[in-house]
Amino acid sequence: MATVPKHVESAEVHYIESDGKPMGETQQHILNIRYALEPLEVWFAADPLVFVAGNLFLHYEDGDGRQHVSPDIFVARDVPKEPPRRKYLMRREGRGRTWSSSSRRPQRRKKTARPR
């Protein structure tokens, strides 16, 4: 029996790097991201297989550039920290062991857009 693929690419998929919106909702929000992100970067600085990022588009569906989230902070273990990224393609780079955190407001808007 033949199977039909779920998604057939007819052209190059565009994975967005920016949505034109500001990073933080408030100054306190930005400070909270920094206070959480900077210690994680220091803690994992010596480990080349831990990628730490903040407010980076995380695309979790290969072939569909619309399926993404932008957590305030995420840590992907077992994923090389280099090269620097403008977006994170989970299905291509690997899921690793991922931890992420977002403010309450983005989570409410993104209930249907979650990595599996």
PDB file of N, CA and C in Angstrom:
ATOM      1  N   MET A   1       0.843  -1.175   0.000  1.00  0.00           N
ATOM      2  CA  MET A   1       0.000   0.000   0.000  1.00  0.00           C
ATOM      3  C   MET A   1       0.894   1.247   0.000  1.00  0.00           C
ATOM      4  N   ALA A   2       0.624   2.188  -0.839  1.00  0.00           N
ATOM      5  CA  ALA A   2       1.407   3.425  -0.941  1.00  0.00           C
ATOM      6  C   ALA A   2       0.926   4.422   0.100  1.00  0.00           C
ATOM      7  N   THR A   3       1.858   5.219   0.576  1.00  0.00           N
ATOM      8  CA  THR A   3       1.483   6.271   1.522  1.00  0.00           C
ATOM      9  C   THR A   3       1.740   7.622   0.884  1.00  0.00           C
ATOM     10  N   VAL A   4       0.951   8.594   1.274  1.00  0.00           N
ATOM     11  CA  VAL A   4       1.076   9.941   0.751  1.00  0.00           C
ATOM     12  C   VAL A   4       1.697  10.804   1.843  1.00  0.00           C
ATOM     13  N   PRO A   5       2.780  11.533   1.535  1.00  0.00           N
ATOM     14  CA  PRO A   5       3.364  12.398   2.568  1.00  0.00           C
ATOM     15  C   PRO A   5       2.399  13.496   2.987  1.00  0.00           C
ATOM     16  N   LYS A   6       2.493  13.895   4.268  1.00  0.00           N
ATOM     17  CA  LYS A   6       1.613  14.942   4.790  1.00  0.00           C
ATOM     18  C   LYS A   6       1.840  16.284   4.114  1.00  0.00           C
ATOM     19  N   HIS A   7       3.100  16.592   3.833  1.00  0.00           N
ATOM     20  CA  HIS A   7       3.413  17.922   3.321  1.00  0.00           C
ATOM     21  C   HIS A   7       4.411  17.788   2.172  1.00  0.00           C
ATOM     22  N   VAL A   8       4.064  18.294   1.038  1.00  0.00           N
ATOM     23  CA  VAL A   8       4.963  18.279  -0.107  1.00  0.00           C
ATOM     24  C   VAL A   8       5.411  19.707  -0.364  1.00  0.00           C
ATOM     25  N   GLU A   9       6.722  19.923  -0.331  1.00  0.00           N
ATOM     26  CA  GLU A   9       7.238  21.274  -0.558  1.00  0.00           C
ATOM     27  C   GLU A   9       7.322  21.558  -2.047  1.00  0.00           C
ATOM     28  N   SER A  10       6.691  22.639  -2.448  1.00  0.00           N
ATOM     29  CA  SER A  10       6.765  23.026  -3.853  1.00  0.00           C
ATOM     30  C   SER A  10       7.787  24.129  -4.060  1.00  0.00           C
ATOM     31  N   ALA A  11       8.161  24.790  -2.990  1.00  0.00           N
ATOM     32  CA  ALA A  11       9.134  25.870  -3.071  1.00  0.00           C
ATOM     33  C   ALA A  11       9.892  25.922  -1.752  1.00  0.00           C
ATOM     34  N   GLU A  12      10.919  26.729  -1.717  1.00  0.00           N
ATOM     35  CA  GLU A  12      11.698  26.899  -0.490  1.00  0.00           C
ATOM     36  C   GLU A  12      10.799  27.433   0.624  1.00  0.00           C
ATOM     37  N   VAL A  13      10.875  26.821   1.797  1.00  0.00           N
ATOM     38  CA  VAL A  13      10.078  27.250   2.947  1.00  0.00           C
ATOM     39  C   VAL A  13      10.772  28.436   3.600  1.00  0.00           C
ATOM     40  N   HIS A  14       9.995  29.448   3.954  1.00  0.00           N
ATOM     41  CA  HIS A  14      10.541  30.630   4.623  1.00  0.00           C
ATOM     42  C   HIS A  14      10.284  30.501   6.121  1.00  0.00           C
ATOM     43  N   TYR A  15      11.360  30.430   6.879  1.00  0.00           N
ATOM     44  CA  TYR A  15      11.274  30.396   8.328  1.00  0.00           C
ATOM     45  C   TYR A  15      11.600  31.796   8.843  1.00  0.00           C
ATOM     46  N   ILE A  16      10.626  32.449   9.464  1.00  0.00           N
ATOM     47  CA  ILE A  16      10.831  33.840   9.869  1.00  0.00           C
ATOM     48  C   ILE A  16      11.875  33.953  10.971  1.00  0.00           C
ATOM     49  N   GLU A  17      12.545  35.094  10.989  1.00  0.00           N
ATOM     50  CA  GLU A  17      13.537  35.413  12.014  1.00  0.00           C
ATOM     51  C   GLU A  17      13.054  36.563  12.877  1.00  0.00           C
ATOM     52  N   SER A  18      12.087  37.322  12.383  1.00  0.00           N
ATOM     53  CA  SER A  18      11.555  38.462  13.112  1.00  0.00           C
ATOM     54  C   SER A  18      10.106  38.680  12.710  1.00  0.00           C
ATOM     55  N   ASP A  19       9.320  39.152  13.675  1.00  0.00           N
ATOM     56  CA  ASP A  19       7.931  39.498  13.358  1.00  0.00           C
ATOM     57  C   ASP A  19       7.699  41.003  13.447  1.00  0.00           C
ATOM     58  N   GLY A  20       8.792  41.754  13.667  1.00  0.00           N
ATOM     59  CA  GLY A  20       8.693  43.207  13.728  1.00  0.00           C
ATOM     60  C   GLY A  20       8.158  43.751  15.042  1.00  0.00           C
ATOM     61  N   LYS A  21       7.876  42.857  15.994  1.00  0.00           N
ATOM     62  CA  LYS A  21       7.355  43.287  17.291  1.00  0.00           C
ATOM     63  C   LYS A  21       8.508  43.450  18.274  1.00  0.00           C
ATOM     64  N   PRO A  22       8.340  44.326  19.269  1.00  0.00           N
ATOM     65  CA  PRO A  22       9.416  44.510  20.256  1.00  0.00           C
ATOM     66  C   PRO A  22       9.609  43.254  21.103  1.00  0.00           C
ATOM     67  N   MET A  23      10.839  43.079  21.614  1.00  0.00           N
ATOM     68  CA  MET A  23      11.175  41.888  22.386  1.00  0.00           C
ATOM     69  C   MET A  23      10.351  41.787  23.665  1.00  0.00           C
ATOM     70  N   GLY A  24      10.379  42.805  24.484  1.00  0.00           N
ATOM     71  CA  GLY A  24       9.695  42.743  25.768  1.00  0.00           C
ATOM     72  C   GLY A  24       8.437  43.561  25.779  1.00  0.00           C
ATOM     73  N   GLU A  25       7.526  43.182  26.630  1.00  0.00           N
ATOM     74  CA  GLU A  25       6.301  43.937  26.758  1.00  0.00           C
ATOM     75  C   GLU A  25       6.510  45.148  27.662  1.00  0.00           C
ATOM     76  N   THR A  26       7.383  45.009  28.647  1.00  0.00           N
ATOM     77  CA  THR A  26       7.692  46.094  29.571  1.00  0.00           C
ATOM     78  C   THR A  26       9.175  46.052  29.891  1.00  0.00           C
ATOM     79  N   GLN A  27       9.676  47.108  30.507  1.00  0.00           N
ATOM     80  CA  GLN A  27      11.074  47.110  30.931  1.00  0.00           C
ATOM     81  C   GLN A  27      11.325  45.973  31.923  1.00  0.00           C
ATOM     82  N   GLN A  28      10.379  45.727  32.823  1.00  0.00           N
ATOM     83  CA  GLN A  28      10.541  44.651  33.802  1.00  0.00           C
ATOM     84  C   GLN A  28      10.627  43.292  33.110  1.00  0.00           C
ATOM     85  N   HIS A  29       9.833  43.104  32.067  1.00  0.00           N
ATOM     86  CA  HIS A  29       9.863  41.855  31.301  1.00  0.00           C
ATOM     87  C   HIS A  29      11.252  41.630  30.704  1.00  0.00           C
ATOM     88  N   ILE A  30      11.829  42.655  30.121  1.00  0.00           N
ATOM     89  CA  ILE A  30      13.160  42.552  29.530  1.00  0.00           C
ATOM     90  C   ILE A  30      14.194  42.250  30.615  1.00  0.00           C
ATOM     91  N   LEU A  31      14.104  42.941  31.746  1.00  0.00           N
ATOM     92  CA  LEU A  31      15.036  42.680  32.846  1.00  0.00           C
ATOM     93  C   LEU A  31      14.910  41.247  33.356  1.00  0.00           C
ATOM     94  N   ASN A  32      13.685  40.742  33.466  1.00  0.00           N
ATOM     95  CA  ASN A  32      13.480  39.361  33.915  1.00  0.00           C
ATOM     96  C   ASN A  32      14.139  38.369  32.961  1.00  0.00           C
ATOM     97  N   ILE A  33      14.019  38.610  31.660  1.00  0.00           N
ATOM     98  CA  ILE A  33      14.664  37.736  30.677  1.00  0.00           C
ATOM     99  C   ILE A  33      16.175  37.777  30.875  1.00  0.00           C
ATOM    100  N   ARG A  34      16.732  38.972  31.008  1.00  0.00           N
ATOM    101  CA  ARG A  34      18.188  39.109  31.200  1.00  0.00           C
ATOM    102  C   ARG A  34      18.642  38.420  32.475  1.00  0.00           C
ATOM    103  N   TYR A  35      17.907  38.624  33.579  1.00  0.00           N
ATOM    104  CA  TYR A  35      18.300  38.038  34.856  1.00  0.00           C
ATOM    105  C   TYR A  35      18.271  36.516  34.816  1.00  0.00           C
ATOM    106  N   ALA A  36      17.428  35.938  34.007  1.00  0.00           N
ATOM    107  CA  ALA A  36      17.377  34.480  33.885  1.00  0.00           C
ATOM    108  C   ALA A  36      18.344  33.961  32.818  1.00  0.00           C
ATOM    109  N   LEU A  37      18.485  34.692  31.727  1.00  0.00           N
ATOM    110  CA  LEU A  37      19.309  34.231  30.602  1.00  0.00           C
ATOM    111  C   LEU A  37      20.810  34.298  30.894  1.00  0.00           C
ATOM    112  N   GLU A  38      21.261  35.408  31.452  1.00  0.00           N
ATOM    113  CA  GLU A  38      22.699  35.586  31.668  1.00  0.00           C
ATOM    114  C   GLU A  38      23.308  34.522  32.584  1.00  0.00           C
ATOM    115  N   PRO A  39      22.699  34.169  33.724  1.00  0.00           N
ATOM    116  CA  PRO A  39      23.286  33.102  34.543  1.00  0.00           C
ATOM    117  C   PRO A  39      23.321  31.741  33.829  1.00  0.00           C
ATOM    118  N   LEU A  40      22.312  31.464  33.015  1.00  0.00           N
ATOM    119  CA  LEU A  40      22.319  30.211  32.259  1.00  0.00           C
ATOM    120  C   LEU A  40      23.473  30.183  31.261  1.00  0.00           C
ATOM    121  N   GLU A  41      23.711  31.307  30.600  1.00  0.00           N
ATOM    122  CA  GLU A  41      24.841  31.383  29.665  1.00  0.00           C
ATOM    123  C   GLU A  41      26.166  31.161  30.383  1.00  0.00           C
ATOM    124  N   VAL A  42      26.320  31.747  31.555  1.00  0.00           N
ATOM    125  CA  VAL A  42      27.549  31.564  32.339  1.00  0.00           C
ATOM    126  C   VAL A  42      27.659  30.117  32.809  1.00  0.00           C
ATOM    127  N   TRP A  43      26.578  29.563  33.321  1.00  0.00           N
ATOM    128  CA  TRP A  43      26.573  28.193  33.857  1.00  0.00           C
ATOM    129  C   TRP A  43      26.983  27.185  32.785  1.00  0.00           C
ATOM    130  N   PHE A  44      26.501  27.361  31.569  1.00  0.00           N
ATOM    131  CA  PHE A  44      26.774  26.404  30.497  1.00  0.00           C
ATOM    132  C   PHE A  44      27.884  26.855  29.548  1.00  0.00           C
ATOM    133  N   ALA A  45      28.609  27.898  29.877  1.00  0.00           N
ATOM    134  CA  ALA A  45      29.625  28.468  28.978  1.00  0.00           C
ATOM    135  C   ALA A  45      30.671  27.445  28.539  1.00  0.00           C
ATOM    136  N   ALA A  46      31.084  26.559  29.407  1.00  0.00           N
ATOM    137  CA  ALA A  46      32.151  25.600  29.081  1.00  0.00           C
ATOM    138  C   ALA A  46      31.643  24.368  28.337  1.00  0.00           C
ATOM    139  N   ASP A  47      30.356  24.201  28.231  1.00  0.00           N
ATOM    140  CA  ASP A  47      29.800  23.009  27.572  1.00  0.00           C
ATOM    141  C   ASP A  47      29.416  23.348  26.128  1.00  0.00           C
ATOM    142  N   PRO A  48      30.145  22.809  25.142  1.00  0.00           N
ATOM    143  CA  PRO A  48      29.838  23.134  23.741  1.00  0.00           C
ATOM    144  C   PRO A  48      28.544  22.501  23.235  1.00  0.00           C
ATOM    145  N   LEU A  49      27.933  21.623  24.025  1.00  0.00           N
ATOM    146  CA  LEU A  49      26.694  20.963  23.597  1.00  0.00           C
ATOM    147  C   LEU A  49      25.477  21.420  24.396  1.00  0.00           C
ATOM    148  N   VAL A  50      25.473  22.696  24.758  1.00  0.00           N
ATOM    149  CA  VAL A  50      24.291  23.293  25.381  1.00  0.00           C
ATOM    150  C   VAL A  50      24.068  24.629  24.697  1.00  0.00           C
ATOM    151  N   PHE A  51      22.908  24.753  24.053  1.00  0.00           N
ATOM    152  CA  PHE A  51      22.534  25.982  23.366  1.00  0.00           C
ATOM    153  C   PHE A  51      21.539  26.740  24.236  1.00  0.00           C
ATOM    154  N   VAL A  52      21.873  27.971  24.591  1.00  0.00           N
ATOM    155  CA  VAL A  52      21.020  28.822  25.419  1.00  0.00           C
ATOM    156  C   VAL A  52      20.620  30.029  24.577  1.00  0.00           C
ATOM    157  N   ALA A  53      19.327  30.330  24.552  1.00  0.00           N
ATOM    158  CA  ALA A  53      18.867  31.465  23.752  1.00  0.00           C
ATOM    159  C   ALA A  53      17.659  32.112  24.412  1.00  0.00           C
ATOM    160  N   GLY A  54      17.371  33.316  23.971  1.00  0.00           N
ATOM    161  CA  GLY A  54      16.195  34.019  24.453  1.00  0.00           C
ATOM    162  C   GLY A  54      15.537  34.774  23.326  1.00  0.00           C
ATOM    163  N   ASN A  55      14.215  34.714  23.305  1.00  0.00           N
ATOM    164  CA  ASN A  55      13.411  35.426  22.326  1.00  0.00           C
ATOM    165  C   ASN A  55      13.838  35.143  20.889  1.00  0.00           C
ATOM    166  N   LEU A  56      14.111  33.887  20.622  1.00  0.00           N
ATOM    167  CA  LEU A  56      14.518  33.433  19.298  1.00  0.00           C
ATOM    168  C   LEU A  56      13.380  32.584  18.735  1.00  0.00           C
ATOM    169  N   PHE A  57      13.040  32.770  17.470  1.00  0.00           N
ATOM    170  CA  PHE A  57      11.976  31.950  16.885  1.00  0.00           C
ATOM    171  C   PHE A  57      12.418  30.498  16.836  1.00  0.00           C
ATOM    172  N   LEU A  58      11.630  29.635  17.448  1.00  0.00           N
ATOM    173  CA  LEU A  58      11.874  28.209  17.509  1.00  0.00           C
ATOM    174  C   LEU A  58      10.845  27.549  16.595  1.00  0.00           C
ATOM    175  N   HIS A  59      11.293  27.097  15.437  1.00  0.00           N
ATOM    176  CA  HIS A  59      10.408  26.449  14.457  1.00  0.00           C
ATOM    177  C   HIS A  59      10.424  24.954  14.718  1.00  0.00           C
ATOM    178  N   TYR A  60       9.261  24.375  14.993  1.00  0.00           N
ATOM    179  CA  TYR A  60       9.199  22.969  15.394  1.00  0.00           C
ATOM    180  C   TYR A  60       8.600  22.048  14.337  1.00  0.00           C
ATOM    181  N   GLU A  61       8.143  22.565  13.221  1.00  0.00           N
ATOM    182  CA  GLU A  61       7.618  21.738  12.134  1.00  0.00           C
ATOM    183  C   GLU A  61       8.464  21.955  10.897  1.00  0.00           C
ATOM    184  N   ASP A  62       9.187  20.951  10.466  1.00  0.00           N
ATOM    185  CA  ASP A  62       9.991  21.068   9.251  1.00  0.00           C
ATOM    186  C   ASP A  62       9.060  21.174   8.052  1.00  0.00           C
ATOM    187  N   GLY A  63       9.297  22.147   7.210  1.00  0.00           N
ATOM    188  CA  GLY A  63       8.486  22.327   6.017  1.00  0.00           C
ATOM    189  C   GLY A  63       7.309  23.274   6.199  1.00  0.00           C
ATOM    190  N   ASP A  64       7.099  23.782   7.422  1.00  0.00           N
ATOM    191  CA  ASP A  64       5.994  24.703   7.667  1.00  0.00           C
ATOM    192  C   ASP A  64       6.510  25.867   8.499  1.00  0.00           C
ATOM    193  N   GLY A  65       6.858  26.956   7.846  1.00  0.00           N
ATOM    194  CA  GLY A  65       7.419  28.115   8.517  1.00  0.00           C
ATOM    195  C   GLY A  65       6.458  28.849   9.428  1.00  0.00           C
ATOM    196  N   ARG A  66       5.175  28.492   9.378  1.00  0.00           N
ATOM    197  CA  ARG A  66       4.186  29.156  10.236  1.00  0.00           C
ATOM    198  C   ARG A  66       4.118  28.557  11.632  1.00  0.00           C
ATOM    199  N   GLN A  67       4.674  27.357  11.812  1.00  0.00           N
ATOM    200  CA  GLN A  67       4.609  26.665  13.096  1.00  0.00           C
ATOM    201  C   GLN A  67       5.836  27.009  13.928  1.00  0.00           C
ATOM    202  N   HIS A  68       5.673  27.960  14.830  1.00  0.00           N
ATOM    203  CA  HIS A  68       6.799  28.407  15.645  1.00  0.00           C
ATOM    204  C   HIS A  68       6.315  28.990  16.957  1.00  0.00           C
ATOM    205  N   VAL A  69       7.226  29.056  17.899  1.00  0.00           N
ATOM    206  CA  VAL A  69       7.007  29.748  19.156  1.00  0.00           C
ATOM    207  C   VAL A  69       8.235  30.626  19.375  1.00  0.00           C
ATOM    208  N   SER A  70       8.148  31.540  20.308  1.00  0.00           N
ATOM    209  CA  SER A  70       9.282  32.393  20.630  1.00  0.00           C
ATOM    210  C   SER A  70       9.382  32.499  22.151  1.00  0.00           C
ATOM    211  N   PRO A  71       9.925  31.449  22.789  1.00  0.00           N
ATOM    212  CA  PRO A  71      10.001  31.487  24.249  1.00  0.00           C
ATOM    213  C   PRO A  71      10.943  32.588  24.729  1.00  0.00           C
ATOM    214  N   ASP A  72      10.650  33.117  25.899  1.00  0.00           N
ATOM    215  CA  ASP A  72      11.524  34.127  26.478  1.00  0.00           C
ATOM    216  C   ASP A  72      12.925  33.555  26.654  1.00  0.00           C
ATOM    217  N   ILE A  73      13.009  32.303  27.080  1.00  0.00           N
ATOM    218  CA  ILE A  73      14.286  31.629  27.304  1.00  0.00           C
ATOM    219  C   ILE A  73      14.118  30.173  26.910  1.00  0.00           C
ATOM    220  N   PHE A  74      15.135  29.603  26.266  1.00  0.00           N
ATOM    221  CA  PHE A  74      15.143  28.156  26.117  1.00  0.00           C
ATOM    222  C   PHE A  74      16.565  27.623  26.138  1.00  0.00           C
ATOM    223  N   VAL A  75      16.680  26.402  26.646  1.00  0.00           N
ATOM    224  CA  VAL A  75      17.958  25.706  26.755  1.00  0.00           C
ATOM    225  C   VAL A  75      17.791  24.381  26.045  1.00  0.00           C
ATOM    226  N   ALA A  76      18.669  24.111  25.101  1.00  0.00           N
ATOM    227  CA  ALA A  76      18.645  22.835  24.379  1.00  0.00           C
ATOM    228  C   ALA A  76      19.951  22.107  24.675  1.00  0.00           C
ATOM    229  N   ARG A  77      19.866  21.035  25.439  1.00  0.00           N
ATOM    230  CA  ARG A  77      21.047  20.231  25.745  1.00  0.00           C
ATOM    231  C   ARG A  77      21.269  19.236  24.615  1.00  0.00           C
ATOM    232  N   ASP A  78      22.523  18.827  24.456  1.00  0.00           N
ATOM    233  CA  ASP A  78      22.923  17.889  23.392  1.00  0.00           C
ATOM    234  C   ASP A  78      22.780  18.521  22.011  1.00  0.00           C
ATOM    235  N   VAL A  79      22.816  19.849  21.958  1.00  0.00           N
ATOM    236  CA  VAL A  79      22.754  20.613  20.710  1.00  0.00           C
ATOM    237  C   VAL A  79      23.928  21.598  20.736  1.00  0.00           C
ATOM    238  N   PRO A  80      24.773  21.623  19.694  1.00  0.00           N
ATOM    239  CA  PRO A  80      25.931  22.533  19.698  1.00  0.00           C
ATOM    240  C   PRO A  80      25.528  23.997  19.847  1.00  0.00           C
ATOM    241  N   LYS A  81      26.288  24.735  20.668  1.00  0.00           N
ATOM    242  CA  LYS A  81      25.983  26.158  20.859  1.00  0.00           C
ATOM    243  C   LYS A  81      26.432  27.000  19.675  1.00  0.00           C
ATOM    244  N   GLU A  82      27.344  26.520  18.875  1.00  0.00           N
ATOM    245  CA  GLU A  82      27.824  27.231  17.680  1.00  0.00           C
ATOM    246  C   GLU A  82      27.293  26.525  16.439  1.00  0.00           C
ATOM    247  N   PRO A  83      27.009  27.229  15.387  1.00  0.00           N
ATOM    248  CA  PRO A  83      27.228  28.650  15.123  1.00  0.00           C
ATOM    249  C   PRO A  83      26.102  29.499  15.726  1.00  0.00           C
ATOM    250  N   PRO A  84      26.315  30.811  15.842  1.00  0.00           N
ATOM    251  CA  PRO A  84      25.235  31.698  16.287  1.00  0.00           C
ATOM    252  C   PRO A  84      24.034  31.564  15.338  1.00  0.00           C
ATOM    253  N   ARG A  85      22.837  31.645  15.867  1.00  0.00           N
ATOM    254  CA  ARG A  85      21.623  31.435  15.069  1.00  0.00           C
ATOM    255  C   ARG A  85      20.740  32.672  15.042  1.00  0.00           C
ATOM    256  N   ARG A  86      20.010  32.812  13.952  1.00  0.00           N
ATOM    257  CA  ARG A  86      18.991  33.865  13.830  1.00  0.00           C
ATOM    258  C   ARG A  86      17.600  33.270  14.063  1.00  0.00           C
ATOM    259  N   LYS A  87      17.514  31.952  14.020  1.00  0.00           N
ATOM    260  CA  LYS A  87      16.296  31.186  14.302  1.00  0.00           C
ATOM    261  C   LYS A  87      16.755  29.776  14.655  1.00  0.00           C
ATOM    262  N   TYR A  88      15.871  28.991  15.264  1.00  0.00           N
ATOM    263  CA  TYR A  88      16.217  27.631  15.662  1.00  0.00           C
ATOM    264  C   TYR A  88      15.243  26.680  14.988  1.00  0.00           C
ATOM    265  N   LEU A  89      15.774  25.790  14.173  1.00  0.00           N
ATOM    266  CA  LEU A  89      14.955  24.815  13.453  1.00  0.00           C
ATOM    267  C   LEU A  89      15.056  23.480  14.182  1.00  0.00           C
ATOM    268  N   MET A  90      14.110  23.217  15.053  1.00  0.00           N
ATOM    269  CA  MET A  90      14.166  22.067  15.943  1.00  0.00           C
ATOM    270  C   MET A  90      14.283  20.741  15.211  1.00  0.00           C
ATOM    271  N   ARG A  91      13.553  20.549  14.147  1.00  0.00           N
ATOM    272  CA  ARG A  91      13.572  19.263  13.439  1.00  0.00           C
ATOM    273  C   ARG A  91      14.887  19.035  12.696  1.00  0.00           C
ATOM    274  N   ARG A  92      15.598  20.093  12.384  1.00  0.00           N
ATOM    275  CA  ARG A  92      16.882  19.951  11.680  1.00  0.00           C
ATOM    276  C   ARG A  92      18.061  19.903  12.637  1.00  0.00           C
ATOM    277  N   GLU A  93      18.012  20.746  13.677  1.00  0.00           N
ATOM    278  CA  GLU A  93      19.141  20.821  14.595  1.00  0.00           C
ATOM    279  C   GLU A  93      19.037  19.803  15.717  1.00  0.00           C
ATOM    280  N   GLY A  94      17.862  19.304  15.930  1.00  0.00           N
ATOM    281  CA  GLY A  94      17.648  18.353  17.001  1.00  0.00           C
ATOM    282  C   GLY A  94      16.923  18.991  18.157  1.00  0.00           C
ATOM    283  N   ARG A  95      16.097  18.215  18.759  1.00  0.00           N
ATOM    284  CA  ARG A  95      15.336  18.712  19.906  1.00  0.00           C
ATOM    285  C   ARG A  95      16.223  18.788  21.132  1.00  0.00           C
ATOM    286  N   GLY A  96      17.157  17.851  21.244  1.00  0.00           N
ATOM    287  CA  GLY A  96      17.955  17.816  22.452  1.00  0.00           C
ATOM    288  C   GLY A  96      17.027  17.634  23.640  1.00  0.00           C
ATOM    289  N   ARG A  97      17.462  18.055  24.768  1.00  0.00           N
ATOM    290  CA  ARG A  97      16.601  18.098  25.944  1.00  0.00           C
ATOM    291  C   ARG A  97      16.317  19.568  26.156  1.00  0.00           C
ATOM    292  N   THR A  98      15.096  19.973  25.879  1.00  0.00           N
ATOM    293  CA  THR A  98      14.763  21.395  25.812  1.00  0.00           C
ATOM    294  C   THR A  98      13.922  21.831  27.008  1.00  0.00           C
ATOM    295  N   TRP A  99      14.275  22.976  27.553  1.00  0.00           N
ATOM    296  CA  TRP A  99      13.510  23.639  28.604  1.00  0.00           C
ATOM    297  C   TRP A  99      13.224  25.041  28.116  1.00  0.00           C
ATOM    298  N   SER A 100      12.015  25.498  28.282  1.00  0.00           N
ATOM    299  CA  SER A 100      11.706  26.856  27.847  1.00  0.00           C
ATOM    300  C   SER A 100      10.760  27.522  28.827  1.00  0.00           C
ATOM    301  N   SER A 101      10.740  28.831  28.762  1.00  0.00           N
ATOM    302  CA  SER A 101       9.873  29.623  29.620  1.00  0.00           C
ATOM    303  C   SER A 101       9.363  30.816  28.829  1.00  0.00           C
ATOM    304  N   SER A 102       8.092  31.115  28.983  1.00  0.00           N
ATOM    305  CA  SER A 102       7.489  32.284  28.343  1.00  0.00           C
ATOM    306  C   SER A 102       6.631  33.006  29.364  1.00  0.00           C
ATOM    307  N   SER A 103       6.391  34.265  29.100  1.00  0.00           N
ATOM    308  CA  SER A 103       5.486  35.003  29.974  1.00  0.00           C
ATOM    309  C   SER A 103       4.075  34.471  29.778  1.00  0.00           C
ATOM    310  N   ARG A 104       3.183  34.791  30.707  1.00  0.00           N
ATOM    311  CA  ARG A 104       1.808  34.282  30.616  1.00  0.00           C
ATOM    312  C   ARG A 104       1.095  34.766  29.365  1.00  0.00           C
ATOM    313  N   ARG A 105       1.303  36.002  28.990  1.00  0.00           N
ATOM    314  CA  ARG A 105       0.575  36.556  27.845  1.00  0.00           C
ATOM    315  C   ARG A 105       0.877  35.815  26.536  1.00  0.00           C
ATOM    316  N   PRO A 106       2.152  35.604  26.157  1.00  0.00           N
ATOM    317  CA  PRO A 106       2.402  34.849  24.923  1.00  0.00           C
ATOM    318  C   PRO A 106       1.857  33.430  24.976  1.00  0.00           C
ATOM    319  N   GLN A 107       1.881  32.785  26.144  1.00  0.00           N
ATOM    320  CA  GLN A 107       1.370  31.421  26.217  1.00  0.00           C
ATOM    321  C   GLN A 107      -0.111  31.372  25.896  1.00  0.00           C
ATOM    322  N   ARG A 108      -0.871  32.358  26.353  1.00  0.00           N
ATOM    323  CA  ARG A 108      -2.300  32.368  26.039  1.00  0.00           C
ATOM    324  C   ARG A 108      -2.533  32.490  24.547  1.00  0.00           C
ATOM    325  N   ARG A 109      -1.718  33.288  23.857  1.00  0.00           N
ATOM    326  CA  ARG A 109      -1.891  33.469  22.417  1.00  0.00           C
ATOM    327  C   ARG A 109      -1.429  32.250  21.633  1.00  0.00           C
ATOM    328  N   LYS A 110      -0.554  31.455  22.197  1.00  0.00           N
ATOM    329  CA  LYS A 110       0.079  30.381  21.439  1.00  0.00           C
ATOM    330  C   LYS A 110      -0.373  28.993  21.883  1.00  0.00           C
ATOM    331  N   LYS A 111      -1.562  28.858  22.425  1.00  0.00           N
ATOM    332  CA  LYS A 111      -2.010  27.567  22.916  1.00  0.00           C
ATOM    333  C   LYS A 111      -1.969  26.484  21.839  1.00  0.00           C
ATOM    334  N   THR A 112      -2.253  26.816  20.602  1.00  0.00           N
ATOM    335  CA  THR A 112      -2.277  25.807  19.555  1.00  0.00           C
ATOM    336  C   THR A 112      -0.901  25.602  18.921  1.00  0.00           C
ATOM    337  N   ALA A 113       0.051  26.458  19.221  1.00  0.00           N
ATOM    338  CA  ALA A 113       1.372  26.369  18.588  1.00  0.00           C
ATOM    339  C   ALA A 113       2.400  25.907  19.615  1.00  0.00           C
ATOM    340  N   ARG A 114       2.469  24.613  19.873  1.00  0.00           N
ATOM    341  CA  ARG A 114       3.404  24.064  20.844  1.00  0.00           C
ATOM    342  C   ARG A 114       4.220  22.946  20.224  1.00  0.00           C
ATOM    343  N   PRO A 115       5.504  22.884  20.536  1.00  0.00           N
ATOM    344  CA  PRO A 115       6.333  21.778  20.048  1.00  0.00           C
ATOM    345  C   PRO A 115       5.839  20.448  20.599  1.00  0.00           C
ATOM    346  N   ARG A 116       6.031  19.440  19.820  1.00  0.00           N
ATOM    347  CA  ARG A 116       5.656  18.081  20.277  1.00  0.00           C
ATOM    348  C   ARG A 116       6.886  17.348  20.728  1.00  0.00           C
TER     349      ARG A 116
END
